[in-house]
Amino acid sequence: MTFPEPVLHYVAAGQNRRLAWWQWGTPDAPHLVVCAHGLTRQGRDFDAIAAALVARAQAQGGAIRVVCPDVAGRGESDPLPNPRAYQPLTYVADMLPVLADLQRCAPIEAFDWIGTSMGGIMGILIAGGPLDLLPAPVRRLVLNDVGPVVEWAAWQRIMAYVGETPIWATAEEGAAALRVSHVGFGPHTDAAWLELSRHCLRQTPDGRWRLDYDPAIAQAFNGATREGNDKAAATLWQIYDRITAQVLLIRGGDSDLLTRATAQAMTARGPKAQVVEFAGVGHAPTLIAPDQQRVVLDFLLPDGTTAL
């Protein structure tokens, strides 16, 4: 499974860093969709859904631009000088110059956000934060297997592997290892899994392969406690309650990070999210399977409407 290559861009971020972002679609389209990835991932995770969004917009006679950033320390983006700064508030601040660049290229009339796991927390912070910092308010928000409450057991599972630095002889070996550690992503064909994994791997000078993120991101979790996690959840609930965007919440039926109880609570407060659950998937759906793509496309570009 391959897709046309997106265009790679860079923008200056704080501390003399470059932040990378990948762009699909029409560069001056007034409808912008930003896709933000999970903790150890990168923007190319969204190749499949980005291509599908562009195709749907074109079929409707419209245009769309889909932007998929590599969050600091991942993919083509520079690492942070201070590893303790690997936090969602830093990532949100980094997005502001990206949005400003996009606004300068062409005014943003409709602004949507797709966020998987950590990228969904970023989406909550942006959609529920100060509107005067954004070129346009978030219109529709897709939260992919994440909400204000991140279950402590899931955090412990994640912290157990973040920061590891394995080395593999081939990219195929690396992809096979990721298939074990990311079993929650659900079933994929071998070709689809290799395509999804290859962007998360970087070749070393001696020809071997490693994970393509700064292992120092693990230092941000040093000293994490259940009490601190509970306080963060209380804060995120307050921000979630301020969101005015329409919200689609996608949940993996076997997710250990987003419980069914939290998902239900998200339908009853704040923006009153619409929930769709996929059986046989944990944390988190990759938005590659046709049924997963369909719910996102129908939410952001419903049939019978035209992209801007």
Protein backbone atom coordinates (compact mmCIF):
# COMPACT_ATOMS: atom_id res chain seq x y z
CA MET A 1 0.00 0.00 0.00
CA THR A 2 1.63 3.25 -1.15
CA PHE A 3 0.41 6.83 -1.46
CA PRO A 4 1.61 9.91 -3.33
CA GLU A 5 4.31 11.66 -1.34
CA PRO A 6 3.23 14.74 0.62
CA VAL A 7 5.30 17.93 0.53
CA LEU A 8 7.69 18.49 3.44
CA HIS A 9 7.83 21.98 4.96
CA TYR A 10 9.71 23.49 7.89
CA VAL A 11 8.95 26.41 10.19
CA ALA A 12 11.09 28.05 12.85
CA ALA A 13 10.04 27.13 16.38
CA GLY A 14 11.43 28.23 19.74
CA GLN A 15 15.04 27.70 20.84
CA ASN A 16 16.44 27.80 17.29
CA ARG A 17 14.59 24.66 16.30
CA ARG A 18 12.93 23.61 13.07
CA LEU A 19 9.51 22.00 13.14
CA ALA A 20 8.64 19.81 10.17
CA TRP A 21 5.19 19.33 8.71
CA TRP A 22 3.85 17.37 5.76
CA GLN A 23 1.20 18.81 3.47
CA TRP A 24 -1.34 17.07 1.28
CA GLY A 25 -3.89 18.52 -1.09
CA THR A 26 -4.27 22.08 -2.36
CA PRO A 27 -1.82 24.49 -0.66
CA ASP A 28 -4.19 27.49 -0.81
CA ALA A 29 -7.43 25.67 0.04
CA PRO A 30 -9.42 27.54 2.70
CA HIS A 31 -10.37 24.26 4.41
CA LEU A 32 -7.51 23.07 6.65
CA VAL A 33 -7.29 19.75 8.47
CA VAL A 34 -4.40 19.27 10.91
CA CYS A 35 -3.54 15.68 11.89
CA ALA A 36 -1.49 15.26 15.09
CA HIS A 37 0.14 11.94 15.95
CA GLY A 38 0.75 9.91 19.09
CA LEU A 39 3.63 9.95 21.57
CA THR A 40 6.34 8.05 19.66
CA ARG A 41 4.94 8.41 16.17
CA GLN A 42 5.24 11.02 13.38
CA GLY A 43 3.15 12.85 10.79
CA ARG A 44 3.36 10.17 8.11
CA ASP A 45 1.03 8.02 10.22
CA PHE A 46 -1.77 9.92 8.46
CA ASP A 47 -0.83 9.18 4.84
CA ALA A 48 -3.90 7.00 4.29
CA ILE A 49 -6.52 9.27 5.85
CA ALA A 50 -4.91 12.37 4.30
CA ALA A 51 -5.12 10.84 0.83
CA ALA A 52 -8.71 9.81 1.49
CA LEU A 53 -9.66 13.33 2.61
CA VAL A 54 -8.13 14.87 -0.51
CA ALA A 55 -9.95 12.37 -2.72
CA ARG A 56 -13.31 12.99 -0.99
CA ALA A 57 -12.92 16.77 -1.29
CA GLN A 58 -12.06 16.49 -4.98
CA ALA A 59 -15.03 14.18 -5.57
CA GLN A 60 -17.24 16.85 -4.01
CA GLY A 61 -15.84 19.49 -6.34
CA GLY A 62 -13.89 21.25 -3.59
CA ALA A 63 -10.37 21.46 -2.25
CA ILE A 64 -8.68 20.76 1.06
CA ARG A 65 -5.21 20.99 2.57
CA VAL A 66 -4.18 18.39 5.11
CA VAL A 67 -1.19 19.20 7.33
CA CYS A 68 0.53 16.51 9.40
CA PRO A 69 3.27 17.86 11.71
CA ASP A 70 6.16 15.88 13.13
CA VAL A 71 5.96 16.94 16.78
CA ALA A 72 9.25 18.10 18.33
CA GLY A 73 11.81 15.32 18.61
CA ARG A 74 10.00 13.07 16.14
CA GLY A 75 10.60 12.42 12.47
CA GLU A 76 12.11 15.41 10.68
CA SER A 77 11.58 17.87 13.55
CA ASP A 78 14.49 18.92 15.74
CA PRO A 79 14.73 17.62 19.32
CA LEU A 80 14.15 19.86 22.32
CA PRO A 81 17.27 21.07 24.17
CA ASN A 82 15.53 20.43 27.50
CA PRO A 83 13.95 16.94 27.59
CA ARG A 84 11.63 17.99 30.43
CA ALA A 85 9.91 20.29 27.92
CA TYR A 86 8.49 17.32 26.02
CA GLN A 87 4.96 18.19 27.14
CA PRO A 88 1.65 18.88 25.32
CA LEU A 89 1.80 22.61 26.12
CA THR A 90 5.13 22.82 24.28
CA TYR A 91 3.68 20.98 21.30
CA VAL A 92 0.68 23.30 21.18
CA ALA A 93 2.95 26.36 21.31
CA ASP A 94 4.94 24.87 18.42
CA MET A 95 1.77 24.62 16.34
CA LEU A 96 1.11 28.37 16.45
CA PRO A 97 3.88 29.32 13.97
CA VAL A 98 2.73 26.47 11.70
CA LEU A 99 -0.82 27.84 11.70
CA ALA A 100 0.49 31.36 11.16
CA ASP A 101 2.48 30.18 8.13
CA LEU A 102 -0.58 28.44 6.73
CA GLN A 103 -2.70 31.54 7.29
CA ARG A 104 -0.13 33.66 5.44
CA CYS A 105 -0.22 31.23 2.53
CA ALA A 106 -4.02 31.42 2.28
CA PRO A 107 -6.69 32.51 4.78
CA ILE A 108 -8.14 29.60 6.76
CA GLU A 109 -11.93 29.59 6.63
CA ALA A 110 -12.58 26.13 8.07
CA PHE A 111 -10.18 24.56 10.59
CA ASP A 112 -10.53 20.91 11.61
CA TRP A 113 -8.27 18.76 13.79
CA ILE A 114 -7.63 15.00 13.91
CA GLY A 115 -5.62 13.90 16.93
CA THR A 116 -4.51 10.41 17.84
CA SER A 117 -3.65 9.85 21.52
CA MET A 118 -1.19 12.64 22.40
CA GLY A 119 -2.31 14.49 19.28
CA GLY A 120 -5.86 14.37 20.61
CA ILE A 121 -4.75 15.96 23.88
CA MET A 122 -3.17 18.69 21.78
CA GLY A 123 -6.50 19.05 20.00
CA ILE A 124 -8.39 19.45 23.28
CA LEU A 125 -5.94 22.14 24.40
CA ILE A 126 -6.21 24.00 21.09
CA ALA A 127 -9.97 23.72 20.63
CA GLY A 128 -10.67 24.62 24.26
CA GLY A 129 -7.97 27.26 24.60
CA PRO A 130 -7.82 30.99 23.80
CA LEU A 131 -9.39 31.60 20.40
CA ASP A 132 -7.36 34.77 19.80
CA LEU A 133 -4.23 32.64 19.30
CA LEU A 134 -5.75 30.81 16.32
CA PRO A 135 -6.35 31.98 12.75
CA ALA A 136 -9.83 30.41 12.98
CA PRO A 137 -11.67 28.47 15.68
CA VAL A 138 -11.63 24.69 15.45
CA ARG A 139 -14.80 23.71 13.60
CA ARG A 140 -14.70 19.92 13.97
CA LEU A 141 -12.45 17.87 16.23
CA VAL A 142 -11.70 14.17 15.84
CA LEU A 143 -10.32 12.60 19.02
CA ASN A 144 -8.82 9.22 18.21
CA ASP A 145 -8.90 7.01 21.30
CA VAL A 146 -8.18 9.71 23.85
CA GLY A 147 -10.07 11.96 26.22
CA PRO A 148 -9.44 14.03 29.34
CA VAL A 149 -8.76 10.88 31.38
CA VAL A 150 -5.74 8.78 30.42
CA GLU A 151 -5.93 5.59 32.45
CA TRP A 152 -2.98 5.20 34.79
CA ALA A 153 -2.45 1.55 33.81
CA ALA A 154 -2.09 2.65 30.18
CA TRP A 155 0.44 5.31 31.18
CA GLN A 156 2.47 2.66 32.98
CA ARG A 157 2.38 0.42 29.90
CA ILE A 158 3.53 3.27 27.67
CA MET A 159 6.26 4.43 30.04
CA ALA A 160 7.65 0.88 30.07
CA TYR A 161 8.74 1.12 26.43
CA VAL A 162 9.17 4.84 25.68
CA GLY A 163 12.84 5.77 25.44
CA GLU A 164 14.09 2.32 24.49
CA THR A 165 16.69 2.35 21.71
CA PRO A 166 16.60 -1.02 19.94
CA ILE A 167 18.58 -1.52 16.74
CA TRP A 168 17.49 -3.80 13.88
CA ALA A 169 19.37 -5.19 10.92
CA THR A 170 16.58 -4.40 8.47
CA ALA A 171 13.51 -2.18 8.27
CA GLU A 172 11.41 -5.33 8.05
CA GLU A 173 12.77 -6.50 11.42
CA GLY A 174 11.93 -3.13 12.92
CA ALA A 175 8.40 -3.25 11.52
CA ALA A 176 7.93 -6.75 12.95
CA ALA A 177 9.02 -5.55 16.39
CA LEU A 178 6.64 -2.59 16.22
CA ARG A 179 3.83 -4.97 15.33
CA VAL A 180 4.33 -6.66 18.68
CA SER A 181 4.64 -3.49 20.78
CA HIS A 182 1.75 -1.79 18.95
CA VAL A 183 -0.65 -4.71 18.89
CA GLY A 184 -3.41 -2.32 19.94
CA PHE A 185 -3.35 -0.79 16.45
CA GLY A 186 -5.40 -3.78 15.33
CA PRO A 187 -5.17 -6.05 12.29
CA HIS A 188 -3.35 -4.86 9.14
CA THR A 189 -2.06 -6.55 6.03
CA ASP A 190 1.70 -7.08 5.94
CA ALA A 191 2.05 -4.42 3.24
CA ALA A 192 -0.03 -1.88 5.15
CA TRP A 193 1.93 -2.52 8.35
CA LEU A 194 5.30 -2.09 6.63
CA GLU A 195 4.12 1.16 5.04
CA LEU A 196 2.84 2.43 8.40
CA SER A 197 6.06 1.44 10.18
CA ARG A 198 8.73 2.50 7.71
CA HIS A 199 8.33 6.20 8.47
CA CYS A 200 8.92 5.51 12.18
CA LEU A 201 12.33 4.02 11.43
CA ARG A 202 15.59 5.77 10.50
CA GLN A 203 18.66 4.15 9.02
CA THR A 204 21.87 4.53 10.99
CA PRO A 205 25.26 5.28 9.35
CA ASP A 206 26.19 1.60 9.54
CA GLY A 207 23.08 0.58 7.59
CA ARG A 208 21.00 -0.69 10.50
CA TRP A 209 17.67 0.76 11.68
CA ARG A 210 16.39 2.50 14.81
CA LEU A 211 13.24 4.26 16.00
CA ASP A 212 12.95 7.76 14.57
CA TYR A 213 12.30 9.76 17.73
CA ASP A 214 14.38 11.33 20.47
CA PRO A 215 14.56 8.75 23.31
CA ALA A 216 14.88 11.68 25.73
CA ILE A 217 11.10 12.18 25.50
CA ALA A 218 10.92 9.53 28.23
CA GLN A 219 12.55 11.94 30.69
CA ALA A 220 9.39 14.05 30.74
CA PHE A 221 7.68 11.18 32.56
CA ASN A 222 10.25 10.84 35.32
CA GLY A 223 8.47 11.15 38.64
CA ALA A 224 5.00 10.72 37.13
CA THR A 225 2.42 9.63 39.71
CA ARG A 226 -1.17 8.54 39.77
CA GLU A 227 -2.03 11.70 41.74
CA GLY A 228 -0.41 13.89 39.10
CA ASN A 229 -2.30 12.02 36.40
CA ASP A 230 -5.58 12.64 38.22
CA LYS A 231 -4.82 16.38 38.48
CA ALA A 232 -4.04 16.54 34.77
CA ALA A 233 -7.35 14.85 34.02
CA ALA A 234 -9.26 17.39 36.11
CA THR A 235 -7.63 20.22 34.18
CA LEU A 236 -8.32 18.60 30.82
CA TRP A 237 -11.99 18.12 31.74
CA GLN A 238 -12.28 21.85 32.40
CA ILE A 239 -10.75 22.62 29.00
CA TYR A 240 -12.87 19.98 27.26
CA ASP A 241 -16.00 21.57 28.70
CA ARG A 242 -15.09 24.85 26.97
CA ILE A 243 -14.89 23.32 23.49
CA THR A 244 -17.50 24.64 21.07
CA ALA A 245 -16.41 22.55 18.07
CA GLN A 246 -18.34 19.48 17.00
CA VAL A 247 -16.48 16.43 18.36
CA LEU A 248 -16.17 12.91 17.00
CA LEU A 249 -14.66 10.49 19.51
CA ILE A 250 -13.25 7.27 18.06
CA ARG A 251 -12.60 4.46 20.51
CA GLY A 252 -10.84 1.15 20.07
CA GLY A 253 -13.14 -1.43 21.62
CA ASP A 254 -10.22 -2.98 23.51
CA SER A 255 -8.53 0.30 24.45
CA ASP A 256 -6.80 0.41 27.82
CA LEU A 257 -6.25 4.19 27.58
CA LEU A 258 -9.79 5.43 26.91
CA THR A 259 -12.39 3.55 28.90
CA ARG A 260 -16.00 3.19 27.83
CA ALA A 261 -17.01 5.12 30.96
CA THR A 262 -14.85 8.11 30.00
CA ALA A 263 -16.18 8.00 26.45
CA GLN A 264 -19.74 8.00 27.78
CA ALA A 265 -19.00 10.96 30.03
CA MET A 266 -17.66 12.85 27.02
CA THR A 267 -21.03 12.48 25.30
CA ALA A 268 -22.82 14.09 28.25
CA ARG A 269 -20.73 17.19 28.93
CA GLY A 270 -18.94 19.98 27.11
CA PRO A 271 -19.30 19.55 23.33
CA LYS A 272 -21.19 16.26 23.82
CA ALA A 273 -19.03 14.11 21.57
CA GLN A 274 -20.42 11.63 19.10
CA VAL A 275 -18.78 8.25 19.82
CA VAL A 276 -17.90 5.50 17.35
CA GLU A 277 -16.26 2.32 18.62
CA PHE A 278 -14.34 -0.25 16.59
CA ALA A 279 -14.20 -3.84 17.78
CA GLY A 280 -10.97 -5.80 17.60
CA VAL A 281 -8.81 -2.68 18.03
CA GLY A 282 -7.12 -1.32 21.14
CA HIS A 283 -5.06 1.85 21.45
CA ALA A 284 -5.31 3.24 18.87
CA PRO A 285 -7.13 2.86 15.53
CA THR A 286 -4.77 3.81 12.68
CA LEU A 287 -7.49 5.24 10.40
CA ILE A 288 -6.32 2.96 7.60
CA ALA A 289 -9.19 0.45 7.53
CA PRO A 290 -12.05 1.57 5.23
CA ASP A 291 -14.65 1.56 8.02
CA GLN A 292 -12.44 3.75 10.22
CA GLN A 293 -11.79 6.14 7.34
CA ARG A 294 -15.45 6.35 6.47
CA VAL A 295 -16.53 7.74 9.84
CA VAL A 296 -13.84 10.44 9.67
CA LEU A 297 -14.68 11.38 6.08
CA ASP A 298 -18.40 11.53 6.80
CA PHE A 299 -17.76 13.73 9.84
CA LEU A 300 -15.39 16.20 8.17
CA LEU A 301 -16.70 16.06 4.60
CA PRO A 302 -20.21 14.60 4.72
CA ASP A 303 -21.80 13.51 1.46
CA GLY A 304 -24.06 16.14 0.00
CA THR A 305 -21.79 19.00 1.02
CA THR A 306 -18.92 20.60 -0.81
CA ALA A 307 -15.49 21.34 0.60
CA LEU A 308 -14.72 25.04 0.70
